[in-house]
Protein backbone atom coordinates (compact mmCIF):
# COMPACT_ATOMS: atom_id res chain seq x y z
CA MET A 1 -40.29 -37.40 32.56
CA LYS A 2 -39.65 -34.66 35.08
CA LYS A 3 -36.09 -34.47 36.34
CA LYS A 4 -35.38 -33.20 39.81
CA LYS A 5 -34.03 -29.71 40.00
CA ILE A 6 -30.25 -29.46 40.22
CA ALA A 7 -29.07 -26.50 42.24
CA LEU A 8 -26.55 -24.52 40.22
CA LEU A 9 -23.80 -22.07 41.03
CA ALA A 10 -24.13 -19.51 38.25
CA PHE A 11 -20.86 -17.86 37.36
CA THR A 12 -20.50 -14.66 35.39
CA SER A 13 -16.70 -14.68 35.62
CA LEU A 14 -13.87 -16.92 36.70
CA SER A 15 -12.84 -14.69 39.57
CA ALA A 16 -10.66 -16.20 42.21
CA THR A 17 -13.30 -15.46 44.84
CA LEU A 18 -16.07 -17.38 43.11
CA LEU A 19 -13.99 -20.32 42.02
CA ALA A 20 -11.86 -20.74 45.11
CA ALA A 21 -14.14 -23.53 46.30
CA CYS A 22 -14.18 -25.41 42.97
CA GLY A 23 -12.58 -28.79 42.51
CA SER A 24 -12.81 -32.06 44.38
CA THR A 25 -13.78 -31.89 47.99
CA GLY A 26 -14.24 -34.36 50.75
CA ASP A 27 -17.38 -32.64 52.02
CA SER A 28 -20.78 -32.89 50.38
CA ASP A 29 -22.53 -29.52 49.91
CA SER A 30 -26.22 -30.18 50.42
CA ASN A 31 -27.12 -27.08 48.37
CA SER A 32 -25.47 -28.18 45.15
CA ALA A 33 -24.17 -31.74 45.25
CA THR A 34 -26.05 -34.52 43.52
CA SER A 35 -25.28 -38.20 43.78
CA GLY A 36 -26.50 -41.70 43.41
CA ALA A 37 -28.04 -43.44 46.37
CA GLY A 38 -25.47 -45.23 48.46
CA ALA A 39 -22.50 -43.30 47.10
CA SER A 40 -19.38 -44.84 48.61
CA ASP A 41 -16.82 -42.16 47.64
CA ALA A 42 -16.50 -39.10 49.92
CA THR A 43 -15.15 -37.04 47.01
CA VAL A 44 -17.59 -34.63 45.40
CA TYR A 45 -16.48 -34.01 41.83
CA ALA A 46 -16.92 -30.50 40.45
CA ILE A 47 -18.25 -30.82 36.88
CA GLY A 48 -18.35 -27.85 34.51
CA THR A 49 -20.94 -27.52 31.78
CA ASP A 50 -22.35 -25.03 29.29
CA THR A 51 -25.23 -22.66 30.08
CA THR A 52 -27.37 -23.11 26.95
CA PHE A 53 -26.70 -25.94 24.50
CA ALA A 54 -30.08 -27.59 24.06
CA PRO A 55 -30.85 -30.46 23.90
CA PHE A 56 -27.63 -31.33 25.75
CA GLU A 57 -27.87 -28.78 28.57
CA PHE A 58 -30.49 -26.09 29.12
CA GLU A 59 -33.08 -24.79 31.58
CA ASN A 60 -36.56 -26.13 30.93
CA ASP A 61 -39.89 -24.36 31.43
CA GLU A 62 -40.02 -25.48 35.07
CA GLY A 63 -36.62 -23.95 35.79
CA ASP A 64 -34.84 -27.30 35.98
CA PHE A 65 -31.41 -27.63 34.35
CA VAL A 66 -31.74 -30.68 32.09
CA GLY A 67 -30.56 -32.20 28.83
CA ILE A 68 -28.86 -35.24 27.35
CA ASP A 69 -25.48 -34.49 28.93
CA LEU A 70 -26.93 -33.78 32.36
CA ASP A 71 -29.30 -36.74 32.38
CA LEU A 72 -26.45 -39.03 31.33
CA LEU A 73 -24.15 -37.62 34.02
CA ASP A 74 -26.83 -38.01 36.68
CA ALA A 75 -27.65 -41.58 35.63
CA ILE A 76 -23.97 -42.54 35.49
CA ALA A 77 -23.33 -41.03 38.94
CA LYS A 78 -26.22 -43.05 40.36
CA ASN A 79 -25.02 -46.19 38.60
CA GLN A 80 -21.43 -45.82 39.82
CA GLY A 81 -22.16 -44.37 43.24
CA PHE A 82 -20.29 -41.08 43.08
CA GLU A 83 -21.28 -37.51 43.96
CA TYR A 84 -20.84 -34.41 41.83
CA GLU A 85 -21.49 -30.68 41.97
CA LEU A 86 -22.64 -29.15 38.69
CA ARG A 87 -21.22 -25.76 37.69
CA SER A 88 -22.98 -23.97 34.83
CA LEU A 89 -20.16 -21.83 33.46
CA GLY A 90 -20.49 -21.62 29.69
CA PHE A 91 -18.36 -23.73 27.35
CA ASN A 92 -15.20 -21.61 27.23
CA ALA A 93 -15.27 -20.84 30.95
CA ALA A 94 -15.79 -24.53 31.79
CA VAL A 95 -12.75 -25.53 29.72
CA THR A 96 -10.69 -22.72 31.26
CA ALA A 97 -11.72 -23.86 34.75
CA LEU A 98 -10.72 -27.43 33.88
CA GLU A 99 -7.27 -26.35 32.73
CA ALA A 100 -6.85 -24.25 35.88
CA GLY A 101 -7.75 -27.22 38.09
CA GLN A 102 -10.91 -25.51 39.32
CA VAL A 103 -13.25 -28.26 38.13
CA ASP A 104 -12.58 -31.98 37.83
CA GLY A 105 -14.37 -32.61 34.55
CA VAL A 106 -16.41 -31.05 31.76
CA ILE A 107 -19.50 -32.38 30.01
CA ALA A 108 -20.79 -29.88 27.46
CA GLY A 109 -21.21 -31.46 24.06
CA MET A 110 -17.41 -31.42 23.82
CA SER A 111 -16.06 -32.94 20.62
CA ILE A 112 -13.10 -35.29 20.85
CA ASN A 113 -10.29 -34.27 18.51
CA GLU A 114 -6.56 -34.76 18.19
CA GLU A 115 -5.64 -31.32 19.52
CA ARG A 116 -7.82 -31.65 22.61
CA GLU A 117 -6.55 -35.16 23.33
CA LYS A 118 -3.12 -33.65 23.95
CA LYS A 119 -4.51 -31.82 26.99
CA TYR A 120 -7.49 -33.87 28.16
CA ASP A 121 -8.43 -37.44 28.98
CA PHE A 122 -11.73 -38.23 27.29
CA SER A 123 -14.31 -40.83 28.13
CA ASP A 124 -15.60 -43.24 25.55
CA PRO A 125 -17.74 -41.28 23.04
CA TYR A 126 -21.37 -40.92 24.11
CA TYR A 127 -22.77 -39.17 21.00
CA ASP A 128 -21.89 -38.59 17.32
CA SER A 129 -22.78 -35.27 15.69
CA LYS A 130 -22.30 -33.44 12.39
CA THR A 131 -22.09 -29.66 11.96
CA GLY A 132 -25.08 -27.91 10.42
CA VAL A 133 -25.17 -24.56 8.61
CA ALA A 134 -28.37 -22.66 9.44
CA VAL A 135 -29.84 -19.54 7.80
CA LYS A 136 -33.12 -17.60 7.77
CA PRO A 137 -35.63 -19.33 5.48
CA ASP A 138 -36.03 -16.22 3.30
CA SER A 139 -32.29 -15.55 2.94
CA GLY A 140 -31.89 -17.11 -0.49
CA ILE A 141 -28.88 -19.05 0.80
CA THR A 142 -28.96 -22.73 -0.11
CA SER A 143 -25.30 -23.78 0.10
CA LEU A 144 -21.85 -22.71 1.30
CA GLU A 145 -21.24 -21.14 -2.12
CA ASP A 146 -23.94 -18.57 -1.37
CA LEU A 147 -21.99 -17.29 1.65
CA GLU A 148 -19.32 -15.59 -0.47
CA GLY A 149 -18.74 -12.02 0.73
CA LYS A 150 -20.97 -12.53 3.77
CA GLN A 151 -20.41 -12.85 7.51
CA VAL A 152 -21.24 -15.96 9.54
CA VAL A 153 -21.44 -16.19 13.34
CA VAL A 154 -20.16 -19.00 15.57
CA LYS A 155 -19.66 -19.71 19.26
CA THR A 156 -16.05 -19.54 20.41
CA GLY A 157 -14.27 -22.85 20.97
CA THR A 158 -16.85 -25.10 19.28
CA THR A 159 -16.74 -27.60 16.45
CA GLY A 160 -18.94 -25.21 14.50
CA SER A 161 -16.26 -22.51 14.76
CA GLU A 162 -13.63 -24.97 13.55
CA TYR A 163 -15.78 -25.97 10.59
CA ALA A 164 -16.34 -22.31 9.69
CA GLU A 165 -12.63 -21.52 9.91
CA ALA A 166 -11.78 -24.53 7.77
CA ASN A 167 -14.14 -23.36 5.00
CA LYS A 168 -13.99 -19.55 5.11
CA ASP A 169 -11.17 -19.11 2.59
CA GLU A 170 -12.59 -21.57 0.08
CA TYR A 171 -16.07 -20.03 0.17
CA GLY A 172 -15.07 -16.41 0.82
CA PHE A 173 -16.95 -15.56 4.02
CA THR A 174 -15.82 -13.95 7.27
CA VAL A 175 -16.33 -15.34 10.77
CA LYS A 176 -17.69 -13.49 13.80
CA TYR A 177 -17.26 -15.00 17.28
CA VAL A 178 -19.66 -14.79 20.23
CA GLU A 179 -19.67 -16.45 23.64
CA ASP A 180 -23.16 -17.95 23.91
CA SER A 181 -25.75 -19.68 21.75
CA SER A 182 -28.60 -17.20 22.21
CA THR A 183 -26.44 -14.30 20.99
CA MET A 184 -25.33 -16.40 18.04
CA TYR A 185 -28.87 -17.25 16.96
CA GLN A 186 -30.10 -13.68 17.39
CA ASP A 187 -27.25 -12.43 15.22
CA VAL A 188 -28.65 -14.44 12.31
CA LEU A 189 -32.31 -13.79 13.06
CA GLY A 190 -31.59 -10.07 13.28
CA GLY A 191 -29.80 -10.03 9.94
CA ASN A 192 -26.34 -9.15 11.27
CA SER A 193 -24.88 -12.46 10.04
CA ALA A 194 -25.96 -14.59 7.12
CA ALA A 195 -25.53 -18.00 8.77
CA THR A 196 -24.43 -19.85 11.85
CA PHE A 197 -22.42 -23.06 12.12
CA GLU A 198 -23.66 -25.28 14.93
CA ASP A 199 -23.85 -28.95 15.88
CA TYR A 200 -26.72 -30.38 13.86
CA PRO A 201 -28.81 -31.89 16.71
CA VAL A 202 -28.56 -28.62 18.62
CA ILE A 203 -29.77 -26.36 15.83
CA GLN A 204 -32.38 -28.88 14.74
CA TYR A 205 -33.75 -29.00 18.29
CA GLU A 206 -34.09 -25.21 18.33
CA ILE A 207 -35.85 -25.28 14.95
CA SER A 208 -38.27 -27.93 16.22
CA ARG A 209 -39.15 -25.55 19.08
CA GLY A 210 -40.02 -22.73 16.69
CA MET A 211 -36.78 -20.91 15.88
CA LYS A 212 -37.12 -19.42 12.38
CA LEU A 213 -34.01 -20.95 10.85
CA GLU A 214 -33.36 -23.79 8.43
CA VAL A 215 -30.36 -26.05 7.88
CA VAL A 216 -28.96 -25.78 4.34
CA ASP A 217 -25.75 -27.78 4.68
CA GLN A 218 -24.09 -30.39 6.91
CA SER A 219 -20.47 -31.43 7.30
CA GLU A 220 -19.58 -34.72 5.64
CA GLU A 221 -17.82 -36.00 8.74
CA GLY A 222 -19.21 -36.02 12.24
CA SER A 223 -17.58 -35.55 15.62
CA GLU A 224 -17.83 -37.62 18.77
CA TYR A 225 -18.75 -36.05 22.12
CA GLY A 226 -16.89 -37.08 25.23
CA PHE A 227 -16.65 -36.30 28.94
CA ALA A 228 -13.29 -34.59 29.57
CA THR A 229 -10.85 -34.38 32.46
CA LEU A 230 -7.40 -32.81 32.61
CA LYS A 231 -4.81 -35.24 31.29
CA GLY A 232 -3.56 -37.63 33.95
CA LYS A 233 -5.52 -35.98 36.79
CA GLN A 234 -8.84 -37.84 37.10
CA THR A 235 -8.34 -41.26 35.53
CA GLU A 236 -10.60 -42.91 38.11
CA LEU A 237 -13.44 -40.53 37.26
CA VAL A 238 -13.09 -41.32 33.55
CA GLU A 239 -13.15 -45.04 34.35
CA LYS A 240 -16.33 -44.57 36.38
CA PHE A 241 -17.94 -42.60 33.55
CA ASN A 242 -17.04 -45.28 31.01
CA ALA A 243 -18.30 -48.10 33.22
CA GLY A 244 -21.57 -46.32 33.88
CA LEU A 245 -22.04 -45.42 30.22
CA ALA A 246 -21.53 -49.04 29.21
CA GLU A 247 -24.15 -50.20 31.70
CA LEU A 248 -26.62 -47.53 30.57
CA ARG A 249 -26.20 -48.67 26.97
CA GLU A 250 -26.71 -52.28 28.05
CA ASN A 251 -29.82 -51.73 30.17
CA GLY A 252 -31.52 -49.38 27.71
CA GLU A 253 -31.41 -46.23 29.85
CA TYR A 254 -29.03 -44.53 27.37
CA ASP A 255 -31.59 -44.88 24.56
CA GLU A 256 -34.36 -43.65 26.86
CA ILE A 257 -32.41 -40.46 27.59
CA LEU A 258 -31.74 -39.75 23.91
CA ASP A 259 -35.37 -40.43 23.00
CA ARG A 260 -36.49 -38.04 25.75
CA TYR A 261 -34.92 -35.11 23.89
CA LEU A 262 -34.47 -36.20 20.29
CA GLY A 263 -37.39 -38.55 19.66
CA ASP A 264 -37.60 -39.56 16.02
CA SER A 265 -35.02 -36.98 14.93
CA GLU A 266 -32.11 -39.04 16.32
């Protein structure tokens, strides 16, 4: 199913000049706003997201920005009749923009945890995910025990980085941080790091598309993804997201979106 192209404002930094126009606005920007038909709210919500986190957000072969998160957001906006402007910032930059009041919400495969709930209001969970440990198939690594004395690479601010930090002392490996997924994967493929820690559906999706990695371990416990807003600032938007998500689950559109990207692997 081909999704219409969403015009993006690509940011390479959070400079005051570029982000001065972020946040809710009463005017709809025809170049970047998307909405459901018959939207009744003049507010256009600025929503931050990651740049590359397939299958949740990524640019497809046609140049359209798509994925589970973005398809869900678009369907929920149509269902609830609100408008939004998508800002592809990268995970860390999106969270920073949220805390600075420069975007109204973030949807970027963001795990709900106790620490984040102190700062953000989360929607109802829309996906459950475990953390996978991926290595090159010829690495000889088959478990966390084999990472002793080696370096692993993770993306800053993610559940994968938290899982790596929680296990590094027990298994004797060091952790390298990068800012984007492609750099992280290339660090392993190029032999600079022995493994990467990433959300399982994300790394499995990349493997299914030909990336020469394999998953050798998964966390015992999973994490729930949620749509986030700054605590106490956008309660109405969270309510709209929850209401739309519930209706999508009820009418089957939620399952259709997951099947579009995950198929039988879900």
